[in-house]
Amino acid sequence: MAHGEITVGELLALGDSARVIDVREPDEWADGHIPWAIHVPLGTVPDQLDRFDGSPTYVVCRSGGRSGRACAFAADQGLDATNVVGGMLAWAEAGFPIERNDDTDG
């Protein structure tokens, strides 16, 4: 299964009901993330595929590289995963809401 791409504007338009997984490292997550995102560091994606749950899932990282790898892996497992183009850099540049904390549970 292939994976697609979505812009940060399109993701914001979906609202907080969109399933967003952030695959950055814990310190990056704490520095700021999409308020309704779930934190699943890239290295733990294979062990946490249940977090993708089969519904459309949008995957974000800093700039789009790591999230692209996570999407490719999830797609290989038959899961619906879409890469957020430009990642959190694009999200922040657009001035979209960012939550800052050390809660790694999402």
N, C-alpha and C. Protein backbone atom coordinates (compact mmCIF):
# COMPACT_ATOMS: atom_id res chain seq x y z
N MET A 1 0.85 -1.18 0.00
CA MET A 1 0.00 0.00 0.00
C MET A 1 0.89 1.25 0.00
N ALA A 2 0.59 2.19 -0.84
CA ALA A 2 1.36 3.44 -0.90
C ALA A 2 0.84 4.40 0.16
N HIS A 3 1.66 5.41 0.43
CA HIS A 3 1.18 6.44 1.36
C HIS A 3 1.12 7.76 0.62
N GLY A 4 0.23 8.64 1.08
CA GLY A 4 0.05 9.92 0.45
C GLY A 4 0.69 11.04 1.24
N GLU A 5 0.38 12.27 0.82
CA GLU A 5 0.90 13.45 1.49
C GLU A 5 -0.23 14.44 1.70
N ILE A 6 -0.07 15.27 2.73
CA ILE A 6 -1.04 16.30 3.05
C ILE A 6 -0.26 17.53 3.50
N THR A 7 -0.79 18.71 3.19
CA THR A 7 -0.14 19.94 3.65
C THR A 7 -0.60 20.25 5.07
N VAL A 8 0.14 21.11 5.74
CA VAL A 8 -0.26 21.48 7.10
C VAL A 8 -1.60 22.20 7.09
N GLY A 9 -1.87 22.99 6.06
CA GLY A 9 -3.16 23.68 5.97
C GLY A 9 -4.31 22.70 5.82
N GLU A 10 -4.11 21.67 5.01
CA GLU A 10 -5.14 20.64 4.84
C GLU A 10 -5.36 19.88 6.14
N LEU A 11 -4.26 19.61 6.86
CA LEU A 11 -4.38 18.91 8.13
C LEU A 11 -5.14 19.75 9.15
N LEU A 12 -4.81 21.03 9.24
CA LEU A 12 -5.52 21.90 10.18
C LEU A 12 -7.00 21.94 9.85
N ALA A 13 -7.34 21.97 8.56
CA ALA A 13 -8.74 22.01 8.14
C ALA A 13 -9.51 20.76 8.58
N LEU A 14 -8.81 19.63 8.74
CA LEU A 14 -9.46 18.40 9.21
C LEU A 14 -9.87 18.51 10.67
N GLY A 15 -9.16 19.35 11.42
CA GLY A 15 -9.50 19.58 12.82
C GLY A 15 -8.95 18.53 13.77
N ASP A 16 -9.30 18.69 15.03
CA ASP A 16 -8.72 17.84 16.07
C ASP A 16 -9.28 16.43 16.11
N SER A 17 -10.19 16.11 15.20
CA SER A 17 -10.64 14.71 15.11
C SER A 17 -9.71 13.89 14.22
N ALA A 18 -8.81 14.57 13.49
CA ALA A 18 -7.84 13.86 12.65
C ALA A 18 -6.82 13.16 13.54
N ARG A 19 -6.51 11.92 13.22
CA ARG A 19 -5.53 11.14 13.99
C ARG A 19 -4.14 11.54 13.51
N VAL A 20 -3.38 12.19 14.39
CA VAL A 20 -2.03 12.67 14.06
C VAL A 20 -1.02 11.97 14.96
N ILE A 21 -0.01 11.39 14.35
CA ILE A 21 1.08 10.76 15.10
C ILE A 21 2.36 11.55 14.83
N ASP A 22 3.02 11.95 15.91
CA ASP A 22 4.27 12.71 15.84
C ASP A 22 5.40 11.73 16.15
N VAL A 23 6.32 11.56 15.19
CA VAL A 23 7.38 10.55 15.35
C VAL A 23 8.72 11.16 15.77
N ARG A 24 8.71 12.40 16.24
CA ARG A 24 9.97 13.03 16.67
C ARG A 24 10.40 12.49 18.03
N GLU A 25 11.60 12.86 18.42
CA GLU A 25 12.16 12.43 19.70
C GLU A 25 11.49 13.19 20.85
N PRO A 26 11.56 12.65 22.08
CA PRO A 26 10.89 13.27 23.22
C PRO A 26 11.22 14.74 23.45
N ASP A 27 12.48 15.14 23.25
CA ASP A 27 12.82 16.55 23.48
C ASP A 27 12.18 17.44 22.42
N GLU A 28 12.07 16.95 21.19
CA GLU A 28 11.40 17.72 20.14
C GLU A 28 9.91 17.85 20.44
N TRP A 29 9.31 16.76 20.89
CA TRP A 29 7.89 16.75 21.27
C TRP A 29 7.63 17.78 22.36
N ALA A 30 8.48 17.78 23.40
CA ALA A 30 8.30 18.70 24.52
C ALA A 30 8.43 20.16 24.08
N ASP A 31 9.26 20.41 23.06
CA ASP A 31 9.45 21.78 22.56
C ASP A 31 8.23 22.31 21.84
N GLY A 32 7.34 21.44 21.41
CA GLY A 32 6.11 21.88 20.76
C GLY A 32 5.58 20.88 19.76
N HIS A 33 4.28 20.62 19.86
CA HIS A 33 3.64 19.64 18.97
C HIS A 33 2.21 20.07 18.67
N ILE A 34 1.62 19.43 17.70
CA ILE A 34 0.22 19.66 17.38
C ILE A 34 -0.60 19.23 18.59
N PRO A 35 -1.49 20.08 19.09
CA PRO A 35 -2.18 19.80 20.36
C PRO A 35 -2.87 18.44 20.45
N TRP A 36 -3.40 17.93 19.37
CA TRP A 36 -4.12 16.64 19.45
C TRP A 36 -3.30 15.46 18.93
N ALA A 37 -2.01 15.67 18.73
CA ALA A 37 -1.15 14.59 18.23
C ALA A 37 -0.86 13.55 19.31
N ILE A 38 -0.50 12.37 18.85
CA ILE A 38 -0.08 11.26 19.70
C ILE A 38 1.42 11.10 19.47
N HIS A 39 2.18 10.95 20.54
CA HIS A 39 3.63 10.83 20.41
C HIS A 39 4.05 9.37 20.30
N VAL A 40 4.68 9.04 19.17
CA VAL A 40 5.21 7.70 18.92
C VAL A 40 6.58 7.89 18.25
N PRO A 41 7.66 7.98 19.04
CA PRO A 41 8.99 8.19 18.43
C PRO A 41 9.26 7.18 17.32
N LEU A 42 9.93 7.64 16.27
CA LEU A 42 10.15 6.81 15.09
C LEU A 42 10.68 5.42 15.41
N GLY A 43 11.65 5.32 16.30
CA GLY A 43 12.23 4.03 16.64
C GLY A 43 11.26 3.06 17.28
N THR A 44 10.13 3.57 17.78
CA THR A 44 9.15 2.70 18.44
C THR A 44 7.95 2.38 17.55
N VAL A 45 7.92 2.92 16.33
CA VAL A 45 6.77 2.70 15.44
C VAL A 45 6.48 1.21 15.24
N PRO A 46 7.49 0.36 14.95
CA PRO A 46 7.16 -1.06 14.74
C PRO A 46 6.48 -1.71 15.95
N ASP A 47 6.81 -1.26 17.16
CA ASP A 47 6.20 -1.82 18.36
C ASP A 47 4.87 -1.18 18.72
N GLN A 48 4.51 -0.08 18.03
CA GLN A 48 3.29 0.65 18.38
C GLN A 48 2.36 0.82 17.18
N LEU A 49 2.38 -0.14 16.28
CA LEU A 49 1.52 -0.04 15.10
C LEU A 49 0.05 0.05 15.46
N ASP A 50 -0.32 -0.45 16.64
CA ASP A 50 -1.71 -0.35 17.06
C ASP A 50 -2.15 1.10 17.22
N ARG A 51 -1.20 2.03 17.40
CA ARG A 51 -1.54 3.45 17.51
C ARG A 51 -2.05 3.99 16.17
N PHE A 52 -1.72 3.30 15.07
CA PHE A 52 -2.21 3.71 13.75
C PHE A 52 -3.66 3.27 13.56
N ASP A 53 -4.09 2.26 14.21
CA ASP A 53 -5.45 1.74 14.36
C ASP A 53 -6.27 1.51 13.10
N GLY A 54 -5.69 1.60 11.93
CA GLY A 54 -6.43 1.30 10.71
C GLY A 54 -7.21 2.45 10.12
N SER A 55 -7.44 3.52 10.89
CA SER A 55 -8.13 4.68 10.35
C SER A 55 -7.12 5.61 9.68
N PRO A 56 -7.58 6.55 8.87
CA PRO A 56 -6.62 7.49 8.26
C PRO A 56 -5.76 8.15 9.34
N THR A 57 -4.46 8.07 9.17
CA THR A 57 -3.52 8.60 10.16
C THR A 57 -2.54 9.52 9.45
N TYR A 58 -2.29 10.66 10.06
CA TYR A 58 -1.40 11.68 9.50
C TYR A 58 -0.16 11.72 10.37
N VAL A 59 1.00 11.56 9.73
CA VAL A 59 2.25 11.41 10.47
C VAL A 59 3.13 12.64 10.25
N VAL A 60 3.63 13.19 11.36
CA VAL A 60 4.42 14.42 11.32
C VAL A 60 5.75 14.22 12.04
N CYS A 61 6.77 14.94 11.56
CA CYS A 61 8.06 15.01 12.24
C CYS A 61 8.53 16.46 12.12
N ARG A 62 9.81 16.69 12.15
CA ARG A 62 10.31 18.06 12.08
C ARG A 62 10.09 18.67 10.68
N SER A 63 10.50 17.91 9.64
CA SER A 63 10.42 18.48 8.29
C SER A 63 9.79 17.56 7.25
N GLY A 64 9.52 16.32 7.59
CA GLY A 64 8.86 15.39 6.67
C GLY A 64 9.64 14.14 6.33
N GLY A 65 10.93 14.08 6.68
CA GLY A 65 11.74 12.91 6.35
C GLY A 65 11.42 11.69 7.20
N ARG A 66 11.48 11.85 8.51
CA ARG A 66 11.21 10.71 9.40
C ARG A 66 9.75 10.27 9.29
N SER A 67 8.85 11.22 9.16
CA SER A 67 7.44 10.85 9.03
C SER A 67 7.21 10.10 7.72
N GLY A 68 7.95 10.45 6.67
CA GLY A 68 7.84 9.71 5.42
C GLY A 68 8.27 8.27 5.59
N ARG A 69 9.34 8.04 6.35
CA ARG A 69 9.79 6.66 6.61
C ARG A 69 8.76 5.91 7.44
N ALA A 70 8.17 6.58 8.43
CA ALA A 70 7.15 5.93 9.26
C ALA A 70 5.93 5.59 8.41
N CYS A 71 5.55 6.48 7.51
CA CYS A 71 4.41 6.22 6.63
C CYS A 71 4.68 5.03 5.71
N ALA A 72 5.88 4.98 5.16
CA ALA A 72 6.23 3.87 4.28
C ALA A 72 6.17 2.55 5.04
N PHE A 73 6.68 2.54 6.27
CA PHE A 73 6.64 1.31 7.08
C PHE A 73 5.19 0.93 7.37
N ALA A 74 4.38 1.90 7.80
CA ALA A 74 2.97 1.61 8.12
C ALA A 74 2.24 1.12 6.87
N ALA A 75 2.49 1.76 5.74
CA ALA A 75 1.83 1.35 4.50
C ALA A 75 2.22 -0.08 4.13
N ASP A 76 3.48 -0.44 4.36
CA ASP A 76 3.92 -1.82 4.10
C ASP A 76 3.17 -2.83 4.96
N GLN A 77 2.66 -2.36 6.09
CA GLN A 77 1.89 -3.22 6.99
C GLN A 77 0.39 -3.17 6.68
N GLY A 78 0.04 -2.47 5.60
CA GLY A 78 -1.36 -2.39 5.19
C GLY A 78 -2.15 -1.29 5.88
N LEU A 79 -1.46 -0.34 6.52
CA LEU A 79 -2.14 0.72 7.26
C LEU A 79 -2.21 2.00 6.44
N ASP A 80 -3.23 2.80 6.69
CA ASP A 80 -3.45 4.06 6.00
C ASP A 80 -2.67 5.16 6.71
N ALA A 81 -1.55 5.60 6.12
CA ALA A 81 -0.71 6.62 6.73
C ALA A 81 -0.37 7.69 5.69
N THR A 82 -0.52 8.94 6.09
CA THR A 82 -0.28 10.07 5.20
C THR A 82 0.78 10.98 5.80
N ASN A 83 1.77 11.34 5.01
CA ASN A 83 2.87 12.17 5.47
C ASN A 83 2.46 13.65 5.46
N VAL A 84 2.78 14.37 6.53
CA VAL A 84 2.52 15.80 6.62
C VAL A 84 3.73 16.53 6.02
N VAL A 85 3.54 17.12 4.85
CA VAL A 85 4.62 17.78 4.11
C VAL A 85 5.14 18.99 4.90
N GLY A 86 6.45 19.05 5.07
CA GLY A 86 7.06 20.18 5.77
C GLY A 86 7.10 20.05 7.27
N GLY A 87 6.35 19.08 7.81
CA GLY A 87 6.38 18.77 9.23
C GLY A 87 6.07 19.95 10.15
N MET A 88 6.63 19.86 11.36
CA MET A 88 6.38 20.88 12.37
C MET A 88 7.00 22.22 11.99
N LEU A 89 8.03 22.22 11.17
CA LEU A 89 8.58 23.50 10.71
C LEU A 89 7.53 24.26 9.92
N ALA A 90 6.84 23.59 9.01
CA ALA A 90 5.79 24.22 8.22
C ALA A 90 4.60 24.60 9.09
N TRP A 91 4.25 23.74 10.04
CA TRP A 91 3.13 24.00 10.95
C TRP A 91 3.39 25.28 11.75
N ALA A 92 4.59 25.39 12.32
CA ALA A 92 4.94 26.56 13.13
C ALA A 92 5.03 27.82 12.26
N GLU A 93 5.62 27.67 11.08
CA GLU A 93 5.75 28.81 10.17
C GLU A 93 4.39 29.37 9.77
N ALA A 94 3.40 28.48 9.66
CA ALA A 94 2.05 28.91 9.31
C ALA A 94 1.32 29.56 10.49
N GLY A 95 1.91 29.45 11.68
CA GLY A 95 1.30 30.06 12.86
C GLY A 95 0.17 29.24 13.46
N PHE A 96 0.15 27.94 13.16
CA PHE A 96 -0.90 27.07 13.67
C PHE A 96 -0.63 26.74 15.14
N PRO A 97 -1.67 26.29 15.89
CA PRO A 97 -1.51 26.06 17.33
C PRO A 97 -0.47 25.00 17.67
N ILE A 98 0.31 25.30 18.70
CA ILE A 98 1.35 24.41 19.19
C ILE A 98 1.20 24.28 20.69
N GLU A 99 1.27 23.05 21.16
CA GLU A 99 1.23 22.78 22.60
C GLU A 99 2.63 22.42 23.05
N ARG A 100 3.03 22.96 24.18
CA ARG A 100 4.36 22.65 24.72
C ARG A 100 4.20 22.04 26.09
N ASN A 101 4.77 20.84 26.25
CA ASN A 101 4.80 20.17 27.55
C ASN A 101 5.67 18.93 27.45
N ASP A 102 5.77 18.22 28.54
CA ASP A 102 6.59 17.01 28.51
C ASP A 102 5.73 15.74 28.59
N ASP A 103 4.45 15.87 28.29
CA ASP A 103 3.55 14.72 28.32
C ASP A 103 3.75 13.92 27.05
N THR A 104 4.36 12.75 27.14
CA THR A 104 4.67 11.95 25.96
C THR A 104 3.57 10.97 25.62
N ASP A 105 2.45 11.02 26.31
CA ASP A 105 1.36 10.11 26.00
C ASP A 105 0.45 10.62 24.88
N GLY A 106 0.63 11.85 24.47
CA GLY A 106 -0.19 12.38 23.39
C GLY A 106 -1.42 12.95 23.88
